[in-house]
Amino acid sequence: MIDVRLATPSDAVGILSIYTPYILSDHATFETKVPSIREFQDRIQQYSEKFPWIGCLINNTIAGYVYASPFKAREAYQWSAECSVYIANDFKKKGIGKCLYNLLFPILKLQGIRSLYAGVTLPNIASVKLHEGLNFKSVCVYENIGYKLGRWYNVGWWKLQLNDYDAEPPPFIEFTQMDHTQFIAAFSKTTECIQSRL
């Protein structure tokens, strides 16, 4: 059974089980210490106030998740966001991340996001292929910006334009202020997308 839905703090254990290996033995994230369950619950709650955090459950187990977060905190950045995707090892290379991103991005567009960014610690061929396959364009590389697991890493940044750059853009709409029922059909479509790939 596949269930694509908004993640809640109660999903912290399942989501953290996917994220922990990236923290401890991978360069995809620069986080180096595993947060407690409580800390991660608070993170999900905090992020979900402004942006969707979406999980995919397969047979009642979290198989992957996507979310967006503010690109920067200051007000003038409110029309820019950063996106992230993490997939459990057993479900990689099946296109689940692409299905979930294709659900997330239209929501961000409705929220008023203009520029969506993905930061990719290099090398990461799979992530670059995923984002460029979704029309992200490479904009820059920060050289030797992070040190983890005994070496220095570069981080590349990719950008996707979601809306026009209006001269007077309306304020960003927080996710908690939106009518979530308008996304029911999109969640169902994403479930079908993932089902077709398994």
N, C-alpha and C. Protein backbone atom coordinates (compact mmCIF):
# COMPACT_ATOMS: atom_id res chain seq x y z
N MET A 1 0.83 -1.19 0.00
CA MET A 1 0.00 0.00 0.00
C MET A 1 0.87 1.25 0.00
N ILE A 2 0.51 2.22 -0.81
CA ILE A 2 1.25 3.47 -0.92
C ILE A 2 0.40 4.61 -0.38
N ASP A 3 1.00 5.44 0.44
CA ASP A 3 0.30 6.60 1.00
C ASP A 3 1.22 7.81 0.89
N VAL A 4 0.83 8.77 0.08
CA VAL A 4 1.57 10.02 -0.04
C VAL A 4 0.77 11.08 0.69
N ARG A 5 1.38 11.70 1.69
CA ARG A 5 0.65 12.65 2.52
C ARG A 5 1.60 13.64 3.16
N LEU A 6 1.00 14.66 3.77
CA LEU A 6 1.81 15.62 4.52
C LEU A 6 2.42 14.93 5.73
N ALA A 7 3.70 15.15 5.93
CA ALA A 7 4.36 14.57 7.09
C ALA A 7 3.99 15.36 8.34
N THR A 8 4.02 14.69 9.48
CA THR A 8 3.74 15.30 10.77
C THR A 8 4.87 14.94 11.73
N PRO A 9 4.95 15.62 12.87
CA PRO A 9 5.99 15.26 13.84
C PRO A 9 5.97 13.79 14.24
N SER A 10 4.82 13.13 14.15
CA SER A 10 4.76 11.71 14.50
C SER A 10 5.53 10.83 13.51
N ASP A 11 5.90 11.39 12.38
CA ASP A 11 6.69 10.66 11.38
C ASP A 11 8.19 10.78 11.62
N ALA A 12 8.57 11.47 12.67
CA ALA A 12 9.99 11.78 12.89
C ALA A 12 10.87 10.54 12.94
N VAL A 13 10.41 9.48 13.59
CA VAL A 13 11.23 8.28 13.71
C VAL A 13 11.51 7.68 12.33
N GLY A 14 10.47 7.55 11.51
CA GLY A 14 10.64 6.97 10.18
C GLY A 14 11.49 7.84 9.27
N ILE A 15 11.26 9.15 9.32
CA ILE A 15 12.04 10.05 8.48
C ILE A 15 13.50 10.09 8.93
N LEU A 16 13.71 10.11 10.23
CA LEU A 16 15.07 10.15 10.75
C LEU A 16 15.83 8.86 10.42
N SER A 17 15.11 7.75 10.31
CA SER A 17 15.77 6.49 9.94
C SER A 17 16.36 6.57 8.53
N ILE A 18 15.73 7.35 7.66
CA ILE A 18 16.27 7.57 6.31
C ILE A 18 17.41 8.57 6.35
N TYR A 19 17.25 9.61 7.13
CA TYR A 19 18.20 10.71 7.13
C TYR A 19 19.50 10.39 7.88
N THR A 20 19.44 9.55 8.92
CA THR A 20 20.61 9.28 9.76
C THR A 20 21.82 8.77 8.98
N PRO A 21 21.67 7.80 8.05
CA PRO A 21 22.85 7.36 7.30
C PRO A 21 23.51 8.48 6.49
N TYR A 22 22.71 9.43 6.00
CA TYR A 22 23.27 10.57 5.28
C TYR A 22 24.12 11.43 6.22
N ILE A 23 23.68 11.54 7.48
CA ILE A 23 24.42 12.34 8.45
C ILE A 23 25.74 11.66 8.81
N LEU A 24 25.69 10.36 9.04
CA LEU A 24 26.84 9.65 9.58
C LEU A 24 27.86 9.22 8.54
N SER A 25 27.43 8.94 7.31
CA SER A 25 28.37 8.33 6.37
C SER A 25 28.25 8.83 4.94
N ASP A 26 27.64 9.98 4.74
CA ASP A 26 27.45 10.50 3.38
C ASP A 26 27.69 12.00 3.39
N HIS A 27 28.05 12.54 2.23
CA HIS A 27 28.28 13.98 2.14
C HIS A 27 27.08 14.74 1.60
N ALA A 28 25.95 14.06 1.36
CA ALA A 28 24.77 14.73 0.81
C ALA A 28 24.25 15.82 1.73
N THR A 29 24.42 15.63 3.04
CA THR A 29 24.09 16.68 4.01
C THR A 29 25.36 17.03 4.78
N PHE A 30 25.48 18.29 5.18
CA PHE A 30 26.62 18.70 5.99
C PHE A 30 26.30 18.62 7.48
N GLU A 31 25.12 18.14 7.81
CA GLU A 31 24.82 17.88 9.22
C GLU A 31 25.68 16.71 9.67
N THR A 32 26.27 16.79 10.86
CA THR A 32 27.20 15.75 11.30
C THR A 32 26.77 15.05 12.59
N LYS A 33 25.78 15.59 13.28
CA LYS A 33 25.29 14.97 14.52
C LYS A 33 23.82 14.63 14.36
N VAL A 34 23.45 13.41 14.71
CA VAL A 34 22.07 12.97 14.57
C VAL A 34 21.21 13.67 15.62
N PRO A 35 20.18 14.40 15.19
CA PRO A 35 19.31 15.07 16.17
C PRO A 35 18.47 14.06 16.94
N SER A 36 18.03 14.44 18.12
CA SER A 36 17.13 13.58 18.88
C SER A 36 15.77 13.54 18.18
N ILE A 37 14.97 12.57 18.56
CA ILE A 37 13.62 12.48 17.99
C ILE A 37 12.84 13.76 18.29
N ARG A 38 12.96 14.27 19.49
CA ARG A 38 12.25 15.50 19.86
C ARG A 38 12.71 16.67 19.01
N GLU A 39 14.02 16.79 18.82
CA GLU A 39 14.55 17.87 17.98
C GLU A 39 14.02 17.76 16.56
N PHE A 40 13.95 16.54 16.06
CA PHE A 40 13.49 16.35 14.69
C PHE A 40 11.99 16.58 14.57
N GLN A 41 11.25 16.22 15.59
CA GLN A 41 9.81 16.54 15.61
C GLN A 41 9.60 18.04 15.54
N ASP A 42 10.39 18.78 16.32
CA ASP A 42 10.29 20.24 16.32
C ASP A 42 10.67 20.80 14.95
N ARG A 43 11.64 20.19 14.29
CA ARG A 43 12.06 20.65 12.97
C ARG A 43 10.94 20.48 11.95
N ILE A 44 10.32 19.31 11.97
CA ILE A 44 9.20 19.07 11.04
C ILE A 44 8.08 20.06 11.28
N GLN A 45 7.75 20.26 12.55
CA GLN A 45 6.69 21.20 12.91
C GLN A 45 7.01 22.61 12.43
N GLN A 46 8.24 23.03 12.67
CA GLN A 46 8.65 24.39 12.31
C GLN A 46 8.65 24.58 10.80
N TYR A 47 9.25 23.66 10.06
CA TYR A 47 9.32 23.79 8.61
C TYR A 47 7.94 23.76 7.98
N SER A 48 7.05 22.93 8.55
CA SER A 48 5.72 22.74 7.96
C SER A 48 4.82 23.96 8.11
N GLU A 49 5.19 24.89 8.93
CA GLU A 49 4.38 26.10 9.07
C GLU A 49 4.46 26.95 7.81
N LYS A 50 5.61 26.97 7.16
CA LYS A 50 5.79 27.81 5.97
C LYS A 50 5.70 27.02 4.67
N PHE A 51 6.18 25.79 4.69
CA PHE A 51 6.27 25.00 3.46
C PHE A 51 5.79 23.57 3.69
N PRO A 52 5.36 22.91 2.61
CA PRO A 52 4.96 21.51 2.76
C PRO A 52 6.16 20.60 3.03
N TRP A 53 5.94 19.62 3.86
CA TRP A 53 6.89 18.53 4.09
C TRP A 53 6.08 17.28 3.76
N ILE A 54 6.46 16.57 2.70
CA ILE A 54 5.64 15.49 2.15
C ILE A 54 6.36 14.16 2.28
N GLY A 55 5.66 13.18 2.81
CA GLY A 55 6.23 11.85 2.97
C GLY A 55 5.54 10.83 2.09
N CYS A 56 6.30 9.82 1.69
CA CYS A 56 5.76 8.68 0.96
C CYS A 56 5.92 7.44 1.82
N LEU A 57 4.80 6.83 2.16
CA LEU A 57 4.83 5.59 2.93
C LEU A 57 4.50 4.42 2.01
N ILE A 58 5.30 3.39 2.09
CA ILE A 58 5.05 2.15 1.35
C ILE A 58 4.93 1.04 2.38
N ASN A 59 3.76 0.42 2.42
CA ASN A 59 3.47 -0.60 3.44
C ASN A 59 3.74 -0.07 4.84
N ASN A 60 3.25 1.16 5.08
CA ASN A 60 3.31 1.82 6.39
C ASN A 60 4.72 2.19 6.86
N THR A 61 5.69 2.18 5.93
CA THR A 61 7.06 2.58 6.26
C THR A 61 7.45 3.76 5.38
N ILE A 62 8.06 4.78 5.99
CA ILE A 62 8.51 5.93 5.21
C ILE A 62 9.56 5.49 4.20
N ALA A 63 9.27 5.71 2.91
CA ALA A 63 10.19 5.32 1.84
C ALA A 63 10.95 6.52 1.29
N GLY A 64 10.43 7.72 1.53
CA GLY A 64 11.09 8.91 1.05
C GLY A 64 10.31 10.15 1.45
N TYR A 65 10.94 11.30 1.32
CA TYR A 65 10.26 12.54 1.67
C TYR A 65 10.92 13.71 0.94
N VAL A 66 10.13 14.75 0.76
CA VAL A 66 10.62 16.00 0.19
C VAL A 66 10.09 17.15 1.03
N TYR A 67 10.80 18.25 1.01
CA TYR A 67 10.32 19.43 1.71
C TYR A 67 11.01 20.66 1.15
N ALA A 68 10.48 21.81 1.49
CA ALA A 68 11.11 23.07 1.15
C ALA A 68 11.39 23.83 2.43
N SER A 69 12.35 24.72 2.34
CA SER A 69 12.71 25.55 3.49
C SER A 69 13.12 26.93 2.97
N PRO A 70 13.11 27.93 3.83
CA PRO A 70 13.50 29.27 3.38
C PRO A 70 14.94 29.28 2.87
N PHE A 71 15.19 29.99 1.79
CA PHE A 71 16.56 30.10 1.29
C PHE A 71 17.41 30.93 2.24
N LYS A 72 16.84 32.01 2.73
CA LYS A 72 17.45 32.85 3.76
C LYS A 72 16.33 33.42 4.61
N ALA A 73 16.66 33.86 5.81
CA ALA A 73 15.64 34.29 6.75
C ALA A 73 15.12 35.71 6.51
N ARG A 74 15.93 36.58 5.94
CA ARG A 74 15.52 37.99 5.85
C ARG A 74 14.38 38.17 4.85
N GLU A 75 13.58 39.20 5.11
CA GLU A 75 12.30 39.38 4.42
C GLU A 75 12.41 39.44 2.90
N ALA A 76 13.44 40.06 2.40
CA ALA A 76 13.57 40.21 0.95
C ALA A 76 13.79 38.89 0.24
N TYR A 77 14.12 37.83 1.00
CA TYR A 77 14.30 36.51 0.42
C TYR A 77 13.01 35.70 0.39
N GLN A 78 11.88 36.26 0.81
CA GLN A 78 10.67 35.47 1.02
C GLN A 78 10.18 34.77 -0.25
N TRP A 79 10.59 35.22 -1.43
CA TRP A 79 10.13 34.62 -2.68
C TRP A 79 11.11 33.57 -3.21
N SER A 80 12.08 33.20 -2.38
CA SER A 80 13.03 32.15 -2.75
C SER A 80 12.99 31.05 -1.70
N ALA A 81 13.20 29.81 -2.16
CA ALA A 81 13.17 28.67 -1.25
C ALA A 81 14.20 27.64 -1.70
N GLU A 82 14.50 26.74 -0.80
CA GLU A 82 15.41 25.62 -1.08
C GLU A 82 14.62 24.32 -0.95
N CYS A 83 14.86 23.38 -1.84
CA CYS A 83 14.15 22.09 -1.78
C CYS A 83 15.13 20.97 -1.47
N SER A 84 14.60 19.92 -0.83
CA SER A 84 15.41 18.75 -0.47
C SER A 84 14.60 17.49 -0.68
N VAL A 85 15.30 16.41 -1.01
CA VAL A 85 14.66 15.11 -1.21
C VAL A 85 15.57 14.03 -0.65
N TYR A 86 14.97 13.09 0.06
CA TYR A 86 15.71 11.95 0.61
C TYR A 86 14.88 10.69 0.39
N ILE A 87 15.52 9.64 -0.11
CA ILE A 87 14.85 8.39 -0.41
C ILE A 87 15.58 7.24 0.30
N ALA A 88 14.83 6.34 0.89
CA ALA A 88 15.42 5.17 1.56
C ALA A 88 16.16 4.32 0.53
N ASN A 89 17.24 3.69 0.96
CA ASN A 89 18.08 2.91 0.05
C ASN A 89 17.30 1.88 -0.75
N ASP A 90 16.34 1.21 -0.12
CA ASP A 90 15.58 0.16 -0.80
C ASP A 90 14.71 0.69 -1.93
N PHE A 91 14.49 2.00 -1.98
CA PHE A 91 13.57 2.57 -2.97
C PHE A 91 14.25 3.58 -3.90
N LYS A 92 15.57 3.63 -3.89
CA LYS A 92 16.28 4.52 -4.79
C LYS A 92 16.21 4.00 -6.23
N LYS A 93 16.40 4.91 -7.18
CA LYS A 93 16.46 4.61 -8.61
C LYS A 93 15.13 4.09 -9.16
N LYS A 94 14.04 4.48 -8.51
CA LYS A 94 12.72 4.10 -8.99
C LYS A 94 11.89 5.31 -9.43
N GLY A 95 12.45 6.50 -9.30
CA GLY A 95 11.74 7.70 -9.72
C GLY A 95 10.81 8.27 -8.66
N ILE A 96 10.91 7.79 -7.42
CA ILE A 96 10.04 8.27 -6.36
C ILE A 96 10.32 9.74 -6.06
N GLY A 97 11.60 10.11 -6.04
CA GLY A 97 11.95 11.50 -5.77
C GLY A 97 11.36 12.44 -6.80
N LYS A 98 11.38 12.04 -8.05
CA LYS A 98 10.81 12.87 -9.11
C LYS A 98 9.31 13.03 -8.93
N CYS A 99 8.62 11.94 -8.61
CA CYS A 99 7.17 12.01 -8.37
C CYS A 99 6.85 12.96 -7.24
N LEU A 100 7.61 12.87 -6.14
CA LEU A 100 7.35 13.72 -4.98
C LEU A 100 7.67 15.19 -5.27
N TYR A 101 8.75 15.43 -5.99
CA TYR A 101 9.08 16.80 -6.38
C TYR A 101 7.99 17.40 -7.26
N ASN A 102 7.43 16.59 -8.16
CA ASN A 102 6.39 17.09 -9.06
C ASN A 102 5.09 17.40 -8.31
N LEU A 103 4.98 16.92 -7.09
CA LEU A 103 3.88 17.31 -6.21
C LEU A 103 4.23 18.58 -5.45
N LEU A 104 5.45 18.66 -4.97
CA LEU A 104 5.90 19.80 -4.16
C LEU A 104 5.95 21.10 -4.95
N PHE A 105 6.51 21.07 -6.14
CA PHE A 105 6.80 22.31 -6.87
C PHE A 105 5.55 23.13 -7.21
N PRO A 106 4.46 22.52 -7.68
CA PRO A 106 3.26 23.34 -7.96
C PRO A 106 2.70 24.02 -6.71
N ILE A 107 2.85 23.37 -5.55
CA ILE A 107 2.40 23.99 -4.31
C ILE A 107 3.24 25.22 -4.02
N LEU A 108 4.55 25.10 -4.18
CA LEU A 108 5.45 26.24 -3.96
C LEU A 108 5.14 27.37 -4.93
N LYS A 109 4.78 27.01 -6.15
CA LYS A 109 4.41 28.02 -7.15
C LYS A 109 3.18 28.80 -6.68
N LEU A 110 2.18 28.09 -6.16
CA LEU A 110 0.98 28.75 -5.65
C LEU A 110 1.28 29.62 -4.44
N GLN A 111 2.29 29.25 -3.68
CA GLN A 111 2.67 30.05 -2.52
C GLN A 111 3.36 31.35 -2.91
N GLY A 112 3.76 31.43 -4.17
CA GLY A 112 4.40 32.65 -4.65
C GLY A 112 5.90 32.58 -4.78
N ILE A 113 6.47 31.38 -4.62
CA ILE A 113 7.92 31.25 -4.77
C ILE A 113 8.32 31.54 -6.22
N ARG A 114 9.34 32.37 -6.37
CA ARG A 114 9.87 32.69 -7.70
C ARG A 114 11.07 31.81 -8.03
N SER A 115 12.03 31.78 -7.14
CA SER A 115 13.27 31.03 -7.38
C SER A 115 13.39 29.88 -6.39
N LEU A 116 13.50 28.66 -6.93
CA LEU A 116 13.66 27.47 -6.09
C LEU A 116 15.07 26.95 -6.32
N TYR A 117 15.79 26.73 -5.22
CA TYR A 117 17.18 26.31 -5.30
C TYR A 117 17.38 24.92 -4.72
N ALA A 118 18.33 24.21 -5.31
CA ALA A 118 18.76 22.91 -4.79
C ALA A 118 20.26 22.96 -4.63
N GLY A 119 20.72 22.72 -3.42
CA GLY A 119 22.16 22.65 -3.16
C GLY A 119 22.60 21.21 -3.20
N VAL A 120 23.63 20.92 -3.99
CA VAL A 120 24.09 19.54 -4.17
C VAL A 120 25.57 19.46 -3.83
N THR A 121 25.90 18.69 -2.80
CA THR A 121 27.30 18.46 -2.48
C THR A 121 27.90 17.54 -3.54
N LEU A 122 29.00 17.98 -4.12
CA LEU A 122 29.59 17.27 -5.26
C LEU A 122 30.75 16.38 -4.82
N PRO A 123 30.87 15.21 -5.47
CA PRO A 123 30.07 14.71 -6.60
C PRO A 123 28.79 14.03 -6.13
N ASN A 124 27.75 14.15 -6.93
CA ASN A 124 26.49 13.46 -6.69
C ASN A 124 25.74 13.38 -8.02
N ILE A 125 26.14 12.43 -8.83
CA ILE A 125 25.61 12.31 -10.19
C ILE A 125 24.10 12.13 -10.19
N ALA A 126 23.59 11.31 -9.27
CA ALA A 126 22.14 11.03 -9.23
C ALA A 126 21.34 12.29 -8.94
N SER A 127 21.80 13.10 -7.98
CA SER A 127 21.08 14.31 -7.63
C SER A 127 21.13 15.33 -8.76
N VAL A 128 22.29 15.48 -9.38
CA VAL A 128 22.41 16.41 -10.50
C VAL A 128 21.47 15.98 -11.63
N LYS A 129 21.44 14.69 -11.93
CA LYS A 129 20.57 14.17 -12.99
C LYS A 129 19.10 14.41 -12.66
N LEU A 130 18.72 14.19 -11.40
CA LEU A 130 17.34 14.41 -10.99
C LEU A 130 16.94 15.87 -11.19
N HIS A 131 17.73 16.78 -10.68
CA HIS A 131 17.35 18.19 -10.73
C HIS A 131 17.41 18.75 -12.16
N GLU A 132 18.42 18.38 -12.91
CA GLU A 132 18.49 18.87 -14.28
C GLU A 132 17.38 18.26 -15.13
N GLY A 133 16.95 17.04 -14.80
CA GLY A 133 15.82 16.42 -15.49
C GLY A 133 14.51 17.13 -15.21
N LEU A 134 14.49 17.92 -14.14
CA LEU A 134 13.30 18.70 -13.78
C LEU A 134 13.49 20.18 -14.14
N ASN A 135 14.44 20.44 -15.03
CA ASN A 135 14.67 21.78 -15.61
C ASN A 135 15.39 22.76 -14.69
N PHE A 136 16.04 22.26 -13.64
CA PHE A 136 16.91 23.14 -12.86
C PHE A 136 18.14 23.48 -13.70
N LYS A 137 18.62 24.68 -13.53
CA LYS A 137 19.82 25.14 -14.23
C LYS A 137 20.93 25.40 -13.23
N SER A 138 22.13 24.95 -13.57
CA SER A 138 23.29 25.19 -12.71
C SER A 138 23.61 26.68 -12.68
N VAL A 139 23.78 27.23 -11.48
CA VAL A 139 24.06 28.67 -11.37
C VAL A 139 25.43 28.97 -10.76
N CYS A 140 25.95 28.09 -9.90
CA CYS A 140 27.27 28.37 -9.32
C CYS A 140 27.77 27.15 -8.55
N VAL A 141 29.05 27.19 -8.23
CA VAL A 141 29.67 26.18 -7.38
C VAL A 141 30.47 26.89 -6.30
N TYR A 142 30.19 26.55 -5.03
CA TYR A 142 30.99 27.07 -3.92
C TYR A 142 32.10 26.05 -3.67
N GLU A 143 33.33 26.45 -3.92
CA GLU A 143 34.45 25.52 -3.81
C GLU A 143 34.93 25.36 -2.37
N ASN A 144 35.16 24.09 -2.00
CA ASN A 144 35.72 23.76 -0.68
C ASN A 144 34.97 24.45 0.45
N ILE A 145 33.65 24.43 0.38
CA ILE A 145 32.85 25.16 1.37
C ILE A 145 32.54 24.34 2.62
N GLY A 146 32.67 23.01 2.53
CA GLY A 146 32.36 22.18 3.68
C GLY A 146 33.38 21.06 3.86
N TYR A 147 33.65 20.73 5.12
CA TYR A 147 34.59 19.65 5.44
C TYR A 147 33.84 18.58 6.22
N LYS A 148 33.85 17.36 5.71
CA LYS A 148 33.15 16.26 6.36
C LYS A 148 33.81 14.95 5.94
N LEU A 149 33.83 14.00 6.86
CA LEU A 149 34.35 12.66 6.58
C LEU A 149 35.77 12.70 6.00
N GLY A 150 36.57 13.63 6.53
CA GLY A 150 37.98 13.67 6.20
C GLY A 150 38.36 14.37 4.91
N ARG A 151 37.44 15.13 4.32
CA ARG A 151 37.81 15.85 3.09
C ARG A 151 36.95 17.08 2.88
N TRP A 152 37.40 17.96 2.01
CA TRP A 152 36.68 19.17 1.65
C TRP A 152 35.77 18.89 0.47
N TYR A 153 34.61 19.55 0.48
CA TYR A 153 33.64 19.33 -0.60
C TYR A 153 33.20 20.66 -1.21
N ASN A 154 32.92 20.58 -2.52
CA ASN A 154 32.27 21.68 -3.23
C ASN A 154 30.76 21.48 -3.17
N VAL A 155 30.02 22.58 -3.20
CA VAL A 155 28.56 22.51 -3.28
C VAL A 155 28.11 23.29 -4.50
N GLY A 156 27.40 22.61 -5.39
CA GLY A 156 26.82 23.26 -6.55
C GLY A 156 25.39 23.70 -6.26
N TRP A 157 24.99 24.78 -6.88
CA TRP A 157 23.62 25.27 -6.70
C TRP A 157 22.90 25.27 -8.04
N TRP A 158 21.70 24.71 -8.02
CA TRP A 158 20.84 24.65 -9.19
C TRP A 158 19.56 25.45 -8.90
N LYS A 159 19.02 26.08 -9.94
CA LYS A 159 17.87 26.97 -9.77
C LYS A 159 16.75 26.61 -10.74
N LEU A 160 15.52 26.66 -10.23
CA LEU A 160 14.32 26.49 -11.05
C LEU A 160 13.43 27.71 -10.84
N GLN A 161 13.08 28.40 -11.91
CA GLN A 161 12.16 29.53 -11.80
C GLN A 161 10.73 29.02 -11.83
N LEU A 162 9.95 29.36 -10.79
CA LEU A 162 8.57 28.89 -10.69
C LEU A 162 7.55 29.94 -11.11
N ASN A 163 7.86 31.21 -10.95
CA ASN A 163 6.95 32.30 -11.29
C ASN A 163 7.74 33.43 -11.93
N ASP A 164 7.01 34.33 -12.58
CA ASP A 164 7.65 35.51 -13.15
C ASP A 164 8.13 36.45 -12.04
N TYR A 165 9.11 37.26 -12.38
CA TYR A 165 9.66 38.22 -11.43
C TYR A 165 8.91 39.55 -11.56
N ASP A 166 7.75 39.59 -10.92
CA ASP A 166 6.90 40.78 -10.98
C ASP A 166 7.59 41.99 -10.37
N ALA A 167 7.24 43.15 -10.88
CA ALA A 167 7.79 44.39 -10.32
C ALA A 167 7.33 44.61 -8.88
N GLU A 168 6.09 44.17 -8.56
CA GLU A 168 5.56 44.28 -7.20
C GLU A 168 4.92 42.94 -6.82
N PRO A 169 5.71 41.95 -6.45
CA PRO A 169 5.16 40.63 -6.13
C PRO A 169 4.31 40.65 -4.88
N PRO A 170 3.19 39.94 -4.89
CA PRO A 170 2.40 39.83 -3.66
C PRO A 170 3.17 39.05 -2.61
N PRO A 171 2.85 39.23 -1.34
CA PRO A 171 3.58 38.54 -0.28
C PRO A 171 3.50 37.02 -0.43
N PHE A 172 4.54 36.36 0.00
CA PHE A 172 4.60 34.91 0.08
C PHE A 172 3.46 34.40 0.97
N ILE A 173 2.84 33.29 0.57
CA ILE A 173 1.74 32.70 1.35
C ILE A 173 2.27 31.50 2.13
N GLU A 174 2.19 31.55 3.43
CA GLU A 174 2.63 30.41 4.24
C GLU A 174 1.71 29.23 4.03
N PHE A 175 2.27 28.03 4.10
CA PHE A 175 1.51 26.82 3.80
C PHE A 175 0.33 26.65 4.75
N THR A 176 0.49 27.04 6.00
CA THR A 176 -0.60 26.90 6.97
C THR A 176 -1.79 27.82 6.65
N GLN A 177 -1.57 28.81 5.78
CA GLN A 177 -2.64 29.74 5.41
C GLN A 177 -3.39 29.28 4.16
N MET A 178 -2.97 28.17 3.58
CA MET A 178 -3.58 27.69 2.34
C MET A 178 -4.68 26.67 2.63
N ASP A 179 -5.59 26.53 1.69
CA ASP A 179 -6.63 25.50 1.75
C ASP A 179 -6.03 24.20 1.22
N HIS A 180 -5.71 23.29 2.12
CA HIS A 180 -5.02 22.06 1.72
C HIS A 180 -5.92 21.12 0.92
N THR A 181 -7.22 21.30 0.99
CA THR A 181 -8.11 20.41 0.24
C THR A 181 -7.92 20.57 -1.27
N GLN A 182 -7.37 21.70 -1.70
CA GLN A 182 -7.16 21.91 -3.13
C GLN A 182 -6.07 21.01 -3.70
N PHE A 183 -5.32 20.34 -2.81
CA PHE A 183 -4.22 19.50 -3.27
C PHE A 183 -4.56 18.01 -3.23
N ILE A 184 -5.78 17.66 -2.87
CA ILE A 184 -6.15 16.25 -2.72
C ILE A 184 -5.91 15.48 -4.01
N ALA A 185 -6.36 16.03 -5.14
CA ALA A 185 -6.19 15.34 -6.42
C ALA A 185 -4.72 15.16 -6.77
N ALA A 186 -3.90 16.17 -6.44
CA ALA A 186 -2.47 16.10 -6.75
C ALA A 186 -1.79 15.00 -5.92
N PHE A 187 -2.20 14.85 -4.67
CA PHE A 187 -1.64 13.78 -3.84
C PHE A 187 -2.03 12.41 -4.40
N SER A 188 -3.25 12.28 -4.85
CA SER A 188 -3.70 11.02 -5.43
C SER A 188 -2.93 10.69 -6.70
N LYS A 189 -2.70 11.71 -7.52
CA LYS A 189 -1.94 11.52 -8.76
C LYS A 189 -0.51 11.09 -8.47
N THR A 190 0.08 11.65 -7.42
CA THR A 190 1.44 11.29 -7.04
C THR A 190 1.50 9.85 -6.54
N THR A 191 0.48 9.43 -5.80
CA THR A 191 0.41 8.05 -5.36
C THR A 191 0.39 7.11 -6.57
N GLU A 192 -0.38 7.46 -7.59
CA GLU A 192 -0.45 6.66 -8.81
C GLU A 192 0.90 6.66 -9.54
N CYS A 193 1.57 7.81 -9.54
CA CYS A 193 2.89 7.92 -10.17
C CYS A 193 3.87 6.95 -9.53
N ILE A 194 3.89 6.92 -8.20
CA ILE A 194 4.82 6.05 -7.48
C ILE A 194 4.42 4.59 -7.67
N GLN A 195 3.14 4.30 -7.64
CA GLN A 195 2.67 2.92 -7.83
C GLN A 195 3.14 2.37 -9.17
N SER A 196 3.12 3.21 -10.20
CA SER A 196 3.51 2.77 -11.55
C SER A 196 5.00 2.47 -11.66
N ARG A 197 5.78 2.92 -10.69
CA ARG A 197 7.23 2.74 -10.75
C ARG A 197 7.73 1.61 -9.88
N LEU A 198 6.85 0.99 -9.13
CA LEU A 198 7.27 -0.10 -8.22
C LEU A 198 7.01 -1.47 -8.83
